[in-house]
Amino acid sequence: MSGKKTENVLSQAMTEIAIKGILEKKGKDITIIDLRNVEGSLFDYYVVCTGNSPSHVDAISESVDKEIKIATGIDPKRVEGMQNCMWVLLDYFDVVIHVMLEEARDFYRIEAMWKDAPQTHIENVE
C-alpha cells in the first residue's frame, strides 16, 4: 500500500483560502504541511501559523473560518481552543488549521512531528 491519496481539489482550495484569511489578519510564520503522501495520515494538509496574542489568535481563527465559509459554505467539523486562544484548531476534515501563540508553537513543534512530509513556508507580510 503506497499511502498516496487521490488528488483533492477542495482541500487544496481550502488551504489557499485559509492562508488568505491568515494573511488578512497578519498572521505570521505560516507553514503548510502536505500530508497527502504520508501513509496513515487522516488529513491532506496542516496549516500552522502564529498570532501575537490571544486576541490576535482569535481574530486570525475567525478570519479563516469566515473566508472558508464564504468560499465553500463549509463549517469546521470541530473547533478547539477558543476558550483561551493559546492554540486554536479548526478541523475541516481534510484540512486542519492550527493558529498558535509563539510559546505554544515552540513547545509543541508540529512541524518537527511531520518532518518527513513536504513543508512550504510563506514569507511574513509586514
PDB file of N, CA and C in Angstrom:
ATOM      1  N   MET A   1       0.845  -1.181   0.000  1.00  0.00           N
ATOM      2  CA  MET A   1       0.000   0.000   0.000  1.00  0.00           C
ATOM      3  C   MET A   1       0.885   1.237   0.000  1.00  0.00           C
ATOM      4  N   SER A   2       0.678   2.145  -0.930  1.00  0.00           N
ATOM      5  CA  SER A   2       1.575   3.285  -1.103  1.00  0.00           C
ATOM      6  C   SER A   2       1.269   4.443  -0.172  1.00  0.00           C
ATOM      7  N   GLY A   3       0.058   4.572   0.300  1.00  0.00           N
ATOM      8  CA  GLY A   3      -0.307   5.697   1.135  1.00  0.00           C
ATOM      9  C   GLY A   3      -0.682   6.932   0.323  1.00  0.00           C
ATOM     10  N   LYS A   4      -0.503   6.891  -0.987  1.00  0.00           N
ATOM     11  CA  LYS A   4      -0.793   8.045  -1.841  1.00  0.00           C
ATOM     12  C   LYS A   4      -2.305   8.216  -1.959  1.00  0.00           C
ATOM     13  N   LYS A   5      -2.749   9.431  -1.666  1.00  0.00           N
ATOM     14  CA  LYS A   5      -4.172   9.735  -1.769  1.00  0.00           C
ATOM     15  C   LYS A   5      -4.471  10.309  -3.138  1.00  0.00           C
ATOM     16  N   THR A   6      -5.723  10.185  -3.528  1.00  0.00           N
ATOM     17  CA  THR A   6      -6.125  10.803  -4.790  1.00  0.00           C
ATOM     18  C   THR A   6      -6.121  12.320  -4.620  1.00  0.00           C
ATOM     19  N   GLU A   7      -5.981  13.017  -5.720  1.00  0.00           N
ATOM     20  CA  GLU A   7      -5.934  14.485  -5.705  1.00  0.00           C
ATOM     21  C   GLU A   7      -7.262  15.029  -5.185  1.00  0.00           C
ATOM     22  N   ASN A   8      -7.190  15.911  -4.208  1.00  0.00           N
ATOM     23  CA  ASN A   8      -8.381  16.507  -3.626  1.00  0.00           C
ATOM     24  C   ASN A   8      -8.327  18.011  -3.878  1.00  0.00           C
ATOM     25  N   VAL A   9      -9.031  18.452  -4.916  1.00  0.00           N
ATOM     26  CA  VAL A   9      -9.016  19.857  -5.306  1.00  0.00           C
ATOM     27  C   VAL A   9      -9.597  20.734  -4.198  1.00  0.00           C
ATOM     28  N   LEU A  10     -10.630  20.265  -3.513  1.00  0.00           N
ATOM     29  CA  LEU A  10     -11.249  21.058  -2.455  1.00  0.00           C
ATOM     30  C   LEU A  10     -10.265  21.312  -1.318  1.00  0.00           C
ATOM     31  N   SER A  11      -9.498  20.304  -0.923  1.00  0.00           N
ATOM     32  CA  SER A  11      -8.560  20.516   0.188  1.00  0.00           C
ATOM     33  C   SER A  11      -7.468  21.502  -0.207  1.00  0.00           C
ATOM     34  N   GLN A  12      -7.027  21.471  -1.456  1.00  0.00           N
ATOM     35  CA  GLN A  12      -6.032  22.454  -1.924  1.00  0.00           C
ATOM     36  C   GLN A  12      -6.631  23.858  -1.890  1.00  0.00           C
ATOM     37  N   ALA A  13      -7.855  23.994  -2.364  1.00  0.00           N
ATOM     38  CA  ALA A  13      -8.516  25.302  -2.371  1.00  0.00           C
ATOM     39  C   ALA A  13      -8.732  25.810  -0.952  1.00  0.00           C
ATOM     40  N   MET A  14      -9.165  24.941  -0.051  1.00  0.00           N
ATOM     41  CA  MET A  14      -9.392  25.351   1.335  1.00  0.00           C
ATOM     42  C   MET A  14      -8.091  25.802   1.990  1.00  0.00           C
ATOM     43  N   THR A  15      -6.995  25.148   1.653  1.00  0.00           N
ATOM     44  CA  THR A  15      -5.694  25.543   2.189  1.00  0.00           C
ATOM     45  C   THR A  15      -5.348  26.956   1.732  1.00  0.00           C
ATOM     46  N   GLU A  16      -5.540  27.242   0.457  1.00  0.00           N
ATOM     47  CA  GLU A  16      -5.268  28.578  -0.078  1.00  0.00           C
ATOM     48  C   GLU A  16      -6.187  29.625   0.543  1.00  0.00           C
ATOM     49  N   ILE A  17      -7.440  29.273   0.742  1.00  0.00           N
ATOM     50  CA  ILE A  17      -8.400  30.198   1.354  1.00  0.00           C
ATOM     51  C   ILE A  17      -8.018  30.467   2.809  1.00  0.00           C
ATOM     52  N   ALA A  18      -7.594  29.429   3.520  1.00  0.00           N
ATOM     53  CA  ALA A  18      -7.161  29.595   4.912  1.00  0.00           C
ATOM     54  C   ALA A  18      -5.979  30.554   4.984  1.00  0.00           C
ATOM     55  N   ILE A  19      -5.048  30.414   4.072  1.00  0.00           N
ATOM     56  CA  ILE A  19      -3.873  31.301   4.058  1.00  0.00           C
ATOM     57  C   ILE A  19      -4.301  32.745   3.812  1.00  0.00           C
ATOM     58  N   LYS A  20      -5.261  32.940   2.921  1.00  0.00           N
ATOM     59  CA  LYS A  20      -5.792  34.285   2.685  1.00  0.00           C
ATOM     60  C   LYS A  20      -6.351  34.866   3.987  1.00  0.00           C
ATOM     61  N   GLY A  21      -7.128  34.070   4.719  1.00  0.00           N
ATOM     62  CA  GLY A  21      -7.695  34.530   5.995  1.00  0.00           C
ATOM     63  C   GLY A  21      -6.620  34.849   7.021  1.00  0.00           C
ATOM     64  N   ILE A  22      -5.555  34.056   7.042  1.00  0.00           N
ATOM     65  CA  ILE A  22      -4.449  34.295   7.968  1.00  0.00           C
ATOM     66  C   ILE A  22      -3.749  35.599   7.616  1.00  0.00           C
ATOM     67  N   LEU A  23      -3.449  35.774   6.330  1.00  0.00           N
ATOM     68  CA  LEU A  23      -2.731  36.972   5.894  1.00  0.00           C
ATOM     69  C   LEU A  23      -3.554  38.241   6.094  1.00  0.00           C
ATOM     70  N   GLU A  24      -4.884  38.139   5.963  1.00  0.00           N
ATOM     71  CA  GLU A  24      -5.743  39.313   6.174  1.00  0.00           C
ATOM     72  C   GLU A  24      -5.594  39.863   7.588  1.00  0.00           C
ATOM     73  N   LYS A  25      -5.305  38.993   8.534  1.00  0.00           N
ATOM     74  CA  LYS A  25      -5.151  39.424   9.938  1.00  0.00           C
ATOM     75  C   LYS A  25      -3.684  39.440  10.367  1.00  0.00           C
ATOM     76  N   LYS A  26      -2.789  39.397   9.377  1.00  0.00           N
ATOM     77  CA  LYS A  26      -1.349  39.488   9.619  1.00  0.00           C
ATOM     78  C   LYS A  26      -0.803  38.386  10.522  1.00  0.00           C
ATOM     79  N   GLY A  27      -1.353  37.161  10.344  1.00  0.00           N
ATOM     80  CA  GLY A  27      -0.750  36.008  10.996  1.00  0.00           C
ATOM     81  C   GLY A  27       0.648  35.809  10.431  1.00  0.00           C
ATOM     82  N   LYS A  28       1.527  35.206  11.194  1.00  0.00           N
ATOM     83  CA  LYS A  28       2.909  35.081  10.724  1.00  0.00           C
ATOM     84  C   LYS A  28       3.400  33.640  10.798  1.00  0.00           C
ATOM     85  N   ASP A  29       4.563  33.444  10.200  1.00  0.00           N
ATOM     86  CA  ASP A  29       5.237  32.139  10.209  1.00  0.00           C
ATOM     87  C   ASP A  29       4.312  31.023   9.719  1.00  0.00           C
ATOM     88  N   ILE A  30       3.691  31.226   8.582  1.00  0.00           N
ATOM     89  CA  ILE A  30       2.748  30.255   8.018  1.00  0.00           C
ATOM     90  C   ILE A  30       3.522  29.092   7.407  1.00  0.00           C
ATOM     91  N   THR A  31       3.137  27.887   7.805  1.00  0.00           N
ATOM     92  CA  THR A  31       3.712  26.668   7.239  1.00  0.00           C
ATOM     93  C   THR A  31       2.576  25.771   6.774  1.00  0.00           C
ATOM     94  N   ILE A  32       2.711  25.268   5.553  1.00  0.00           N
ATOM     95  CA  ILE A  32       1.767  24.281   5.020  1.00  0.00           C
ATOM     96  C   ILE A  32       2.482  22.940   5.050  1.00  0.00           C
ATOM     97  N   ILE A  33       1.873  21.977   5.707  1.00  0.00           N
ATOM     98  CA  ILE A  33       2.435  20.624   5.758  1.00  0.00           C
ATOM     99  C   ILE A  33       1.560  19.740   4.883  1.00  0.00           C
ATOM    100  N   ASP A  34       2.157  19.187   3.837  1.00  0.00           N
ATOM    101  CA  ASP A  34       1.443  18.368   2.863  1.00  0.00           C
ATOM    102  C   ASP A  34       1.493  16.913   3.325  1.00  0.00           C
ATOM    103  N   LEU A  35       0.365  16.420   3.810  1.00  0.00           N
ATOM    104  CA  LEU A  35       0.280  15.070   4.369  1.00  0.00           C
ATOM    105  C   LEU A  35      -0.342  14.063   3.409  1.00  0.00           C
ATOM    106  N   ARG A  36      -0.566  14.474   2.171  1.00  0.00           N
ATOM    107  CA  ARG A  36      -1.273  13.599   1.225  1.00  0.00           C
ATOM    108  C   ARG A  36      -0.544  12.286   0.972  1.00  0.00           C
ATOM    109  N   ASN A  37       0.766  12.287   1.026  1.00  0.00           N
ATOM    110  CA  ASN A  37       1.521  11.068   0.735  1.00  0.00           C
ATOM    111  C   ASN A  37       2.100  10.415   1.980  1.00  0.00           C
ATOM    112  N   VAL A  38       1.635  10.842   3.142  1.00  0.00           N
ATOM    113  CA  VAL A  38       2.085  10.243   4.397  1.00  0.00           C
ATOM    114  C   VAL A  38       1.151   9.087   4.736  1.00  0.00           C
ATOM    115  N   GLU A  39       1.696   7.902   4.736  1.00  0.00           N
ATOM    116  CA  GLU A  39       0.877   6.723   4.992  1.00  0.00           C
ATOM    117  C   GLU A  39       0.218   6.810   6.365  1.00  0.00           C
ATOM    118  N   GLY A  40      -1.069   6.548   6.396  1.00  0.00           N
ATOM    119  CA  GLY A  40      -1.828   6.564   7.642  1.00  0.00           C
ATOM    120  C   GLY A  40      -2.357   7.929   8.028  1.00  0.00           C
ATOM    121  N   SER A  41      -1.990   8.987   7.294  1.00  0.00           N
ATOM    122  CA  SER A  41      -2.484  10.323   7.624  1.00  0.00           C
ATOM    123  C   SER A  41      -3.980  10.403   7.331  1.00  0.00           C
ATOM    124  N   LEU A  42      -4.698  11.024   8.236  1.00  0.00           N
ATOM    125  CA  LEU A  42      -6.136  11.208   8.057  1.00  0.00           C
ATOM    126  C   LEU A  42      -6.453  12.505   7.321  1.00  0.00           C
ATOM    127  N   PHE A  43      -5.430  13.349   7.127  1.00  0.00           N
ATOM    128  CA  PHE A  43      -5.634  14.681   6.570  1.00  0.00           C
ATOM    129  C   PHE A  43      -4.789  14.864   5.320  1.00  0.00           C
ATOM    130  N   ASP A  44      -5.170  15.852   4.506  1.00  0.00           N
ATOM    131  CA  ASP A  44      -4.369  16.230   3.339  1.00  0.00           C
ATOM    132  C   ASP A  44      -3.344  17.297   3.712  1.00  0.00           C
ATOM    133  N   TYR A  45      -3.792  18.292   4.488  1.00  0.00           N
ATOM    134  CA  TYR A  45      -2.912  19.408   4.834  1.00  0.00           C
ATOM    135  C   TYR A  45      -3.099  19.837   6.283  1.00  0.00           C
ATOM    136  N   TYR A  46      -1.994  20.264   6.876  1.00  0.00           N
ATOM    137  CA  TYR A  46      -1.999  21.051   8.101  1.00  0.00           C
ATOM    138  C   TYR A  46      -1.522  22.434   7.692  1.00  0.00           C
ATOM    139  N   VAL A  47      -2.180  23.456   8.180  1.00  0.00           N
ATOM    140  CA  VAL A  47      -1.703  24.824   8.030  1.00  0.00           C
ATOM    141  C   VAL A  47      -1.437  25.319   9.442  1.00  0.00           C
ATOM    142  N   VAL A  48      -0.221  25.790   9.684  1.00  0.00           N
ATOM    143  CA  VAL A  48       0.176  26.240  11.015  1.00  0.00           C
ATOM    144  C   VAL A  48       0.606  27.697  10.901  1.00  0.00           C
ATOM    145  N   CYS A  49       0.154  28.528  11.845  1.00  0.00           N
ATOM    146  CA  CYS A  49       0.594  29.923  11.864  1.00  0.00           C
ATOM    147  C   CYS A  49       0.646  30.425  13.292  1.00  0.00           C
ATOM    148  N   THR A  50       1.229  31.598  13.454  1.00  0.00           N
ATOM    149  CA  THR A  50       1.433  32.178  14.779  1.00  0.00           C
ATOM    150  C   THR A  50       0.710  33.508  14.882  1.00  0.00           C
ATOM    151  N   GLY A  51       0.079  33.716  16.045  1.00  0.00           N
ATOM    152  CA  GLY A  51      -0.510  35.005  16.391  1.00  0.00           C
ATOM    153  C   GLY A  51       0.259  35.617  17.547  1.00  0.00           C
ATOM    154  N   ASN A  52       0.176  36.937  17.696  1.00  0.00           N
ATOM    155  CA  ASN A  52       0.956  37.663  18.699  1.00  0.00           C
ATOM    156  C   ASN A  52       0.362  37.624  20.103  1.00  0.00           C
ATOM    157  N   SER A  53      -0.943  37.421  20.197  1.00  0.00           N
ATOM    158  CA  SER A  53      -1.632  37.479  21.485  1.00  0.00           C
ATOM    159  C   SER A  53      -2.895  36.627  21.373  1.00  0.00           C
ATOM    160  N   PRO A  54      -3.534  36.311  22.517  1.00  0.00           N
ATOM    161  CA  PRO A  54      -4.791  35.555  22.429  1.00  0.00           C
ATOM    162  C   PRO A  54      -5.842  36.245  21.546  1.00  0.00           C
ATOM    163  N   SER A  55      -5.943  37.564  21.623  1.00  0.00           N
ATOM    164  CA  SER A  55      -6.938  38.255  20.784  1.00  0.00           C
ATOM    165  C   SER A  55      -6.548  38.186  19.307  1.00  0.00           C
ATOM    166  N   HIS A  56      -5.246  38.163  19.001  1.00  0.00           N
ATOM    167  CA  HIS A  56      -4.798  38.025  17.619  1.00  0.00           C
ATOM    168  C   HIS A  56      -5.091  36.612  17.112  1.00  0.00           C
ATOM    169  N   VAL A  57      -4.844  35.599  17.940  1.00  0.00           N
ATOM    170  CA  VAL A  57      -5.160  34.209  17.577  1.00  0.00           C
ATOM    171  C   VAL A  57      -6.656  34.086  17.287  1.00  0.00           C
ATOM    172  N   ASP A  58      -7.466  34.711  18.121  1.00  0.00           N
ATOM    173  CA  ASP A  58      -8.920  34.699  17.929  1.00  0.00           C
ATOM    174  C   ASP A  58      -9.301  35.359  16.604  1.00  0.00           C
ATOM    175  N   ALA A  59      -8.724  36.517  16.314  1.00  0.00           N
ATOM    176  CA  ALA A  59      -9.041  37.241  15.081  1.00  0.00           C
ATOM    177  C   ALA A  59      -8.623  36.438  13.842  1.00  0.00           C
ATOM    178  N   ILE A  60      -7.446  35.827  13.893  1.00  0.00           N
ATOM    179  CA  ILE A  60      -6.990  35.005  12.768  1.00  0.00           C
ATOM    180  C   ILE A  60      -7.936  33.826  12.557  1.00  0.00           C
ATOM    181  N   SER A  61      -8.272  33.144  13.639  1.00  0.00           N
ATOM    182  CA  SER A  61      -9.159  31.972  13.564  1.00  0.00           C
ATOM    183  C   SER A  61     -10.510  32.347  12.967  1.00  0.00           C
ATOM    184  N   GLU A  62     -11.065  33.461  13.415  1.00  0.00           N
ATOM    185  CA  GLU A  62     -12.359  33.905  12.890  1.00  0.00           C
ATOM    186  C   GLU A  62     -12.261  34.301  11.423  1.00  0.00           C
ATOM    187  N   SER A  63     -11.142  34.903  11.027  1.00  0.00           N
ATOM    188  CA  SER A  63     -10.941  35.276   9.629  1.00  0.00           C
ATOM    189  C   SER A  63     -10.877  34.039   8.733  1.00  0.00           C
ATOM    190  N   VAL A  64     -10.135  33.022   9.170  1.00  0.00           N
ATOM    191  CA  VAL A  64     -10.044  31.775   8.402  1.00  0.00           C
ATOM    192  C   VAL A  64     -11.423  31.137   8.264  1.00  0.00           C
ATOM    193  N   ASP A  65     -12.133  31.042   9.383  1.00  0.00           N
ATOM    194  CA  ASP A  65     -13.465  30.438   9.366  1.00  0.00           C
ATOM    195  C   ASP A  65     -14.395  31.192   8.419  1.00  0.00           C
ATOM    196  N   LYS A  66     -14.367  32.515   8.492  1.00  0.00           N
ATOM    197  CA  LYS A  66     -15.224  33.346   7.640  1.00  0.00           C
ATOM    198  C   LYS A  66     -14.882  33.150   6.165  1.00  0.00           C
ATOM    199  N   GLU A  67     -13.606  33.201   5.817  1.00  0.00           N
ATOM    200  CA  GLU A  67     -13.192  33.072   4.412  1.00  0.00           C
ATOM    201  C   GLU A  67     -13.585  31.707   3.843  1.00  0.00           C
ATOM    202  N   ILE A  68     -13.372  30.648   4.608  1.00  0.00           N
ATOM    203  CA  ILE A  68     -13.733  29.308   4.130  1.00  0.00           C
ATOM    204  C   ILE A  68     -15.243  29.180   3.983  1.00  0.00           C
ATOM    205  N   LYS A  69     -15.987  29.719   4.940  1.00  0.00           N
ATOM    206  CA  LYS A  69     -17.453  29.662   4.879  1.00  0.00           C
ATOM    207  C   LYS A  69     -17.977  30.403   3.654  1.00  0.00           C
ATOM    208  N   ILE A  70     -17.434  31.596   3.389  1.00  0.00           N
ATOM    209  CA  ILE A  70     -17.881  32.384   2.231  1.00  0.00           C
ATOM    210  C   ILE A  70     -17.565  31.646   0.931  1.00  0.00           C
ATOM    211  N   ALA A  71     -16.353  31.101   0.834  1.00  0.00           N
ATOM    212  CA  ALA A  71     -15.903  30.498  -0.425  1.00  0.00           C
ATOM    213  C   ALA A  71     -16.494  29.118  -0.693  1.00  0.00           C
ATOM    214  N   THR A  72     -16.734  28.344   0.369  1.00  0.00           N
ATOM    215  CA  THR A  72     -17.141  26.950   0.169  1.00  0.00           C
ATOM    216  C   THR A  72     -18.479  26.595   0.806  1.00  0.00           C
ATOM    217  N   GLY A  73     -18.928  27.401   1.770  1.00  0.00           N
ATOM    218  CA  GLY A  73     -20.134  27.068   2.514  1.00  0.00           C
ATOM    219  C   GLY A  73     -19.899  26.026   3.600  1.00  0.00           C
ATOM    220  N   ILE A  74     -18.639  25.678   3.830  1.00  0.00           N
ATOM    221  CA  ILE A  74     -18.308  24.619   4.787  1.00  0.00           C
ATOM    222  C   ILE A  74     -17.946  25.219   6.144  1.00  0.00           C
ATOM    223  N   ASP A  75     -18.542  24.650   7.191  1.00  0.00           N
ATOM    224  CA  ASP A  75     -18.175  24.980   8.570  1.00  0.00           C
ATOM    225  C   ASP A  75     -17.179  23.945   9.057  1.00  0.00           C
ATOM    226  N   PRO A  76     -16.349  24.313  10.024  1.00  0.00           N
ATOM    227  CA  PRO A  76     -15.424  23.305  10.558  1.00  0.00           C
ATOM    228  C   PRO A  76     -16.186  22.181  11.248  1.00  0.00           C
ATOM    229  N   LYS A  77     -15.628  20.987  11.117  1.00  0.00           N
ATOM    230  CA  LYS A  77     -16.198  19.827  11.807  1.00  0.00           C
ATOM    231  C   LYS A  77     -16.047  20.010  13.310  1.00  0.00           C
ATOM    232  N   ARG A  78     -14.925  20.626  13.688  1.00  0.00           N
ATOM    233  CA  ARG A  78     -14.636  20.821  15.108  1.00  0.00           C
ATOM    234  C   ARG A  78     -13.748  22.046  15.260  1.00  0.00           C
ATOM    235  N   VAL A  79     -13.964  22.793  16.338  1.00  0.00           N
ATOM    236  CA  VAL A  79     -13.109  23.919  16.707  1.00  0.00           C
ATOM    237  C   VAL A  79     -12.699  23.699  18.153  1.00  0.00           C
ATOM    238  N   GLU A  80     -11.407  23.776  18.410  1.00  0.00           N
ATOM    239  CA  GLU A  80     -10.886  23.599  19.767  1.00  0.00           C
ATOM    240  C   GLU A  80     -10.023  24.799  20.142  1.00  0.00           C
ATOM    241  N   GLY A  81     -10.041  25.180  21.410  1.00  0.00           N
ATOM    242  CA  GLY A  81      -9.109  26.170  21.934  1.00  0.00           C
ATOM    243  C   GLY A  81      -9.589  27.598  21.960  1.00  0.00           C
ATOM    244  N   MET A  82     -10.842  27.856  21.597  1.00  0.00           N
ATOM    245  CA  MET A  82     -11.328  29.240  21.576  1.00  0.00           C
ATOM    246  C   MET A  82     -11.492  29.816  22.990  1.00  0.00           C
ATOM    247  N   GLN A  83     -11.487  28.954  24.009  1.00  0.00           N
ATOM    248  CA  GLN A  83     -11.666  29.434  25.375  1.00  0.00           C
ATOM    249  C   GLN A  83     -10.501  30.322  25.812  1.00  0.00           C
ATOM    250  N   ASN A  84      -9.267  29.906  25.500  1.00  0.00           N
ATOM    251  CA  ASN A  84      -8.110  30.691  25.938  1.00  0.00           C
ATOM    252  C   ASN A  84      -7.283  31.239  24.780  1.00  0.00           C
ATOM    253  N   CYS A  85      -7.535  30.778  23.571  1.00  0.00           N
ATOM    254  CA  CYS A  85      -6.872  31.256  22.346  1.00  0.00           C
ATOM    255  C   CYS A  85      -5.349  31.200  22.414  1.00  0.00           C
ATOM    256  N   MET A  86      -4.823  30.163  23.066  1.00  0.00           N
ATOM    257  CA  MET A  86      -3.378  29.932  23.017  1.00  0.00           C
ATOM    258  C   MET A  86      -3.046  29.070  21.799  1.00  0.00           C
ATOM    259  N   TRP A  87      -3.978  28.163  21.479  1.00  0.00           N
ATOM    260  CA  TRP A  87      -3.836  27.293  20.314  1.00  0.00           C
ATOM    261  C   TRP A  87      -5.250  26.956  19.857  1.00  0.00           C
ATOM    262  N   VAL A  88      -5.628  27.479  18.717  1.00  0.00           N
ATOM    263  CA  VAL A  88      -6.947  27.191  18.161  1.00  0.00           C
ATOM    264  C   VAL A  88      -6.767  26.223  17.002  1.00  0.00           C
ATOM    265  N   LEU A  89      -7.563  25.177  17.003  1.00  0.00           N
ATOM    266  CA  LEU A  89      -7.550  24.176  15.946  1.00  0.00           C
ATOM    267  C   LEU A  89      -8.892  24.239  15.235  1.00  0.00           C
ATOM    268  N   LEU A  90      -8.840  24.422  13.909  1.00  0.00           N
ATOM    269  CA  LEU A  90     -10.034  24.404  13.067  1.00  0.00           C
ATOM    270  C   LEU A  90      -9.929  23.168  12.182  1.00  0.00           C
ATOM    271  N   ASP A  91     -10.846  22.231  12.349  1.00  0.00           N
ATOM    272  CA  ASP A  91     -10.798  20.952  11.640  1.00  0.00           C
ATOM    273  C   ASP A  91     -11.838  20.946  10.526  1.00  0.00           C
ATOM    274  N   TYR A  92     -11.341  20.959   9.272  1.00  0.00           N
ATOM    275  CA  TYR A  92     -12.207  20.927   8.090  1.00  0.00           C
ATOM    276  C   TYR A  92     -12.074  19.586   7.362  1.00  0.00           C
ATOM    277  N   PHE A  93     -12.063  18.508   8.088  1.00  0.00           N
ATOM    278  CA  PHE A  93     -11.956  17.146   7.546  1.00  0.00           C
ATOM    279  C   PHE A  93     -10.572  16.889   6.951  1.00  0.00           C
ATOM    280  N   ASP A  94     -10.322  17.330   5.717  1.00  0.00           N
ATOM    281  CA  ASP A  94      -9.039  17.062   5.057  1.00  0.00           C
ATOM    282  C   ASP A  94      -7.992  18.138   5.326  1.00  0.00           C
ATOM    283  N   VAL A  95      -8.420  19.270   5.858  1.00  0.00           N
ATOM    284  CA  VAL A  95      -7.510  20.378   6.153  1.00  0.00           C
ATOM    285  C   VAL A  95      -7.701  20.772   7.615  1.00  0.00           C
ATOM    286  N   VAL A  96      -6.585  20.853   8.332  1.00  0.00           N
ATOM    287  CA  VAL A  96      -6.628  21.275   9.730  1.00  0.00           C
ATOM    288  C   VAL A  96      -5.756  22.515   9.874  1.00  0.00           C
ATOM    289  N   ILE A  97      -6.333  23.569  10.442  1.00  0.00           N
ATOM    290  CA  ILE A  97      -5.610  24.816  10.636  1.00  0.00           C
ATOM    291  C   ILE A  97      -5.297  24.963  12.116  1.00  0.00           C
ATOM    292  N   HIS A  98      -4.021  25.238  12.411  1.00  0.00           N
ATOM    293  CA  HIS A  98      -3.545  25.462  13.777  1.00  0.00           C
ATOM    294  C   HIS A  98      -3.117  26.919  13.872  1.00  0.00           C
ATOM    295  N   VAL A  99      -3.762  27.687  14.737  1.00  0.00           N
ATOM    296  CA  VAL A  99      -3.389  29.081  14.982  1.00  0.00           C
ATOM    297  C   VAL A  99      -2.888  29.126  16.417  1.00  0.00           C
ATOM    298  N   MET A 100      -1.607  29.461  16.593  1.00  0.00           N
ATOM    299  CA  MET A 100      -0.967  29.273  17.892  1.00  0.00           C
ATOM    300  C   MET A 100      -0.224  30.531  18.347  1.00  0.00           C
ATOM    301  N   LEU A 101      -0.165  30.712  19.662  1.00  0.00           N
ATOM    302  CA  LEU A 101       0.768  31.679  20.217  1.00  0.00           C
ATOM    303  C   LEU A 101       2.177  31.120  20.037  1.00  0.00           C
ATOM    304  N   GLU A 102       3.159  32.004  19.980  1.00  0.00           N
ATOM    305  CA  GLU A 102       4.533  31.576  19.737  1.00  0.00           C
ATOM    306  C   GLU A 102       5.012  30.557  20.776  1.00  0.00           C
ATOM    307  N   GLU A 103       4.669  30.766  22.053  1.00  0.00           N
ATOM    308  CA  GLU A 103       5.102  29.834  23.108  1.00  0.00           C
ATOM    309  C   GLU A 103       4.548  28.429  22.877  1.00  0.00           C
ATOM    310  N   ALA A 104       3.278  28.359  22.504  1.00  0.00           N
ATOM    311  CA  ALA A 104       2.652  27.052  22.254  1.00  0.00           C
ATOM    312  C   ALA A 104       3.283  26.398  21.023  1.00  0.00           C
ATOM    313  N   ARG A 105       3.524  27.180  19.996  1.00  0.00           N
ATOM    314  CA  ARG A 105       4.118  26.628  18.775  1.00  0.00           C
ATOM    315  C   ARG A 105       5.529  26.110  19.034  1.00  0.00           C
ATOM    316  N   ASP A 106       6.308  26.868  19.802  1.00  0.00           N
ATOM    317  CA  ASP A 106       7.664  26.430  20.144  1.00  0.00           C
ATOM    318  C   ASP A 106       7.631  25.152  20.985  1.00  0.00           C
ATOM    319  N   PHE A 107       6.649  25.037  21.872  1.00  0.00           N
ATOM    320  CA  PHE A 107       6.561  23.880  22.759  1.00  0.00           C
ATOM    321  C   PHE A 107       6.121  22.622  22.009  1.00  0.00           C
ATOM    322  N   TYR A 108       5.084  22.730  21.177  1.00  0.00           N
ATOM    323  CA  TYR A 108       4.513  21.536  20.529  1.00  0.00           C
ATOM    324  C   TYR A 108       5.233  21.142  19.241  1.00  0.00           C
ATOM    325  N   ARG A 109       5.877  22.078  18.573  1.00  0.00           N
ATOM    326  CA  ARG A 109       6.711  21.791  17.399  1.00  0.00           C
ATOM    327  C   ARG A 109       6.031  20.847  16.394  1.00  0.00           C
ATOM    328  N   ILE A 110       4.871  21.237  15.932  1.00  0.00           N
ATOM    329  CA  ILE A 110       4.090  20.412  14.997  1.00  0.00           C
ATOM    330  C   ILE A 110       4.891  20.097  13.736  1.00  0.00           C
ATOM    331  N   GLU A 111       5.617  21.080  13.224  1.00  0.00           N
ATOM    332  CA  GLU A 111       6.390  20.853  12.001  1.00  0.00           C
ATOM    333  C   GLU A 111       7.405  19.732  12.188  1.00  0.00           C
ATOM    334  N   ALA A 112       8.000  19.652  13.360  1.00  0.00           N
ATOM    335  CA  ALA A 112       9.008  18.616  13.618  1.00  0.00           C
ATOM    336  C   ALA A 112       8.377  17.224  13.660  1.00  0.00           C
ATOM    337  N   MET A 113       7.134  17.141  14.104  1.00  0.00           N
ATOM    338  CA  MET A 113       6.450  15.849  14.145  1.00  0.00           C
ATOM    339  C   MET A 113       6.224  15.304  12.744  1.00  0.00           C
ATOM    340  N   TRP A 114       6.127  16.200  11.759  1.00  0.00           N
ATOM    341  CA  TRP A 114       5.860  15.811  10.380  1.00  0.00           C
ATOM    342  C   TRP A 114       7.058  16.167   9.497  1.00  0.00           C
ATOM    343  N   LYS A 115       8.263  16.012  10.012  1.00  0.00           N
ATOM    344  CA  LYS A 115       9.457  16.459   9.291  1.00  0.00           C
ATOM    345  C   LYS A 115       9.679  15.714   7.975  1.00  0.00           C
ATOM    346  N   ASP A 116       9.095  14.529   7.813  1.00  0.00           N
ATOM    347  CA  ASP A 116       9.249  13.784   6.563  1.00  0.00           C
ATOM    348  C   ASP A 116       8.254  14.216   5.490  1.00  0.00           C
ATOM    349  N   ALA A 117       7.276  15.015   5.870  1.00  0.00           N
ATOM    350  CA  ALA A 117       6.276  15.497   4.907  1.00  0.00           C
ATOM    351  C   ALA A 117       6.766  16.804   4.276  1.00  0.00           C
ATOM    352  N   PRO A 118       6.442  17.034   3.010  1.00  0.00           N
ATOM    353  CA  PRO A 118       6.822  18.303   2.381  1.00  0.00           C
ATOM    354  C   PRO A 118       6.193  19.479   3.118  1.00  0.00           C
ATOM    355  N   GLN A 119       6.998  20.516   3.341  1.00  0.00           N
ATOM    356  CA  GLN A 119       6.520  21.707   4.038  1.00  0.00           C
ATOM    357  C   GLN A 119       6.839  22.945   3.221  1.00  0.00           C
ATOM    358  N   THR A 120       5.869  23.834   3.170  1.00  0.00           N
ATOM    359  CA  THR A 120       6.039  25.109   2.469  1.00  0.00           C
ATOM    360  C   THR A 120       5.906  26.217   3.494  1.00  0.00           C
ATOM    361  N   HIS A 121       6.869  27.118   3.512  1.00  0.00           N
ATOM    362  CA  HIS A 121       6.856  28.247   4.433  1.00  0.00           C
ATOM    363  C   HIS A 121       6.540  29.514   3.640  1.00  0.00           C
ATOM    364  N   ILE A 122       5.622  30.293   4.145  1.00  0.00           N
ATOM    365  CA  ILE A 122       5.195  31.518   3.468  1.00  0.00           C
ATOM    366  C   ILE A 122       5.829  32.709   4.165  1.00  0.00           C
ATOM    367  N   GLU A 123       6.387  33.601   3.366  1.00  0.00           N
ATOM    368  CA  GLU A 123       7.049  34.790   3.897  1.00  0.00           C
ATOM    369  C   GLU A 123       6.066  35.628   4.718  1.00  0.00           C
ATOM    370  N   ASN A 124       6.554  36.180   5.823  1.00  0.00           N
ATOM    371  CA  ASN A 124       5.744  37.074   6.631  1.00  0.00           C
ATOM    372  C   ASN A 124       5.473  38.362   5.864  1.00  0.00           C
ATOM    373  N   VAL A 125       4.260  38.900   6.004  1.00  0.00           N
ATOM    374  CA  VAL A 125       3.880  40.153   5.382  1.00  0.00           C
ATOM    375  C   VAL A 125       3.913  41.218   6.458  1.00  0.00           C
ATOM    376  N   GLU A 126       4.602  42.290   6.167  1.00  0.00           N
ATOM    377  CA  GLU A 126       4.705  43.385   7.162  1.00  0.00           C
ATOM    378  C   GLU A 126       3.612  44.394   6.966  1.00  0.00           C
TER     379      GLU A 126
END
